Amino acid sequence: MPAELYKDFFRLGVVPGSTFETCREAYKNLLKKHHPDRHSRTTEMMNAATEITSCINASFQRISFWFKTGKVDE
């Protein structure tokens, strides 16, 4: 497993080298927890949730690309 993906696995809260199914499940759970609509009481909370969600999305996209192609997206 490429070292560049370690932070992405940790961001999803899974052990580096976990299966795609485990990563997908963790991704979905984190999106439910940090979705901006759930934190829309104040603008600051919504902006923070949006930032967290975008980081989670980017990490999952890199992991997903690696599982599909065996390459690290650059």
Protein backbone atom coordinates (compact mmCIF):
# COMPACT_ATOMS: atom_id res chain seq x y z
CA MET A 1 0.00 0.00 0.00
CA PRO A 2 1.36 3.45 -0.90
CA ALA A 3 2.47 5.63 2.00
CA GLU A 4 0.62 8.58 0.45
CA LEU A 5 -2.69 6.97 1.38
CA TYR A 6 -2.01 6.45 5.10
CA LYS A 7 -3.48 9.84 6.07
CA ASP A 8 -6.57 9.11 3.97
CA PHE A 9 -7.20 5.82 5.75
CA PHE A 10 -6.70 7.50 9.13
CA ARG A 11 -9.04 10.35 8.12
CA LEU A 12 -11.74 7.75 7.53
CA GLY A 13 -10.93 6.15 10.87
CA VAL A 14 -9.84 2.79 9.48
CA VAL A 15 -6.57 0.88 9.61
CA PRO A 16 -4.33 1.44 6.58
CA GLY A 17 -4.81 -1.46 4.20
CA SER A 18 -8.45 -2.07 5.18
CA THR A 19 -10.79 -3.50 2.60
CA PHE A 20 -12.76 -1.28 0.26
CA GLU A 21 -16.01 -2.33 1.95
CA THR A 22 -14.69 -1.21 5.35
CA CYS A 23 -13.57 2.11 3.90
CA ARG A 24 -16.91 2.67 2.20
CA GLU A 25 -18.84 1.94 5.39
CA ALA A 26 -16.64 4.30 7.42
CA TYR A 27 -17.02 6.96 4.72
CA LYS A 28 -20.81 6.75 4.77
CA ASN A 29 -20.93 6.90 8.57
CA LEU A 30 -18.68 9.96 8.67
CA LEU A 31 -20.75 11.73 6.03
CA LYS A 32 -23.91 11.13 8.04
CA LYS A 33 -22.23 12.46 11.18
CA HIS A 34 -20.65 15.55 9.59
CA HIS A 35 -23.18 16.46 6.90
CA PRO A 36 -23.63 20.26 6.73
CA ASP A 37 -27.43 20.00 6.89
CA ARG A 38 -27.13 18.46 10.35
CA HIS A 39 -25.02 21.42 11.51
CA SER A 40 -26.95 24.30 10.01
CA ARG A 41 -27.77 26.08 13.28
CA THR A 42 -24.98 28.57 12.80
CA THR A 43 -22.91 29.59 9.81
CA GLU A 44 -19.67 28.68 11.59
CA MET A 45 -20.84 25.16 12.36
CA MET A 46 -22.07 24.68 8.81
CA ASN A 47 -18.79 25.93 7.33
CA ALA A 48 -16.78 23.62 9.59
CA ALA A 49 -18.97 20.66 8.62
CA THR A 50 -18.58 21.55 4.95
CA GLU A 51 -14.78 21.60 5.31
CA ILE A 52 -14.74 18.25 7.12
CA THR A 53 -17.04 16.72 4.52
CA SER A 54 -14.86 17.89 1.65
CA CYS A 55 -11.77 16.36 3.31
CA ILE A 56 -13.62 13.08 3.84
CA ASN A 57 -14.77 13.07 0.21
CA ALA A 58 -11.27 13.73 -1.11
CA SER A 59 -9.79 10.95 1.02
CA PHE A 60 -12.39 8.44 -0.08
CA GLN A 61 -11.93 9.39 -3.73
CA ARG A 62 -8.15 8.78 -3.50
CA ILE A 63 -8.68 5.43 -1.76
CA SER A 64 -11.37 4.42 -4.24
CA PHE A 65 -9.13 5.33 -7.20
CA TRP A 66 -6.31 3.26 -5.69
CA PHE A 67 -8.57 0.23 -5.24
CA LYS A 68 -9.85 0.52 -8.84
CA THR A 69 -6.54 1.19 -10.62
CA GLY A 70 -3.75 0.33 -8.22
CA LYS A 71 -2.34 3.82 -8.71
CA VAL A 72 -2.23 6.84 -6.45
CA ASP A 73 -4.13 9.76 -7.95
CA GLU A 74 -1.88 12.76 -8.34
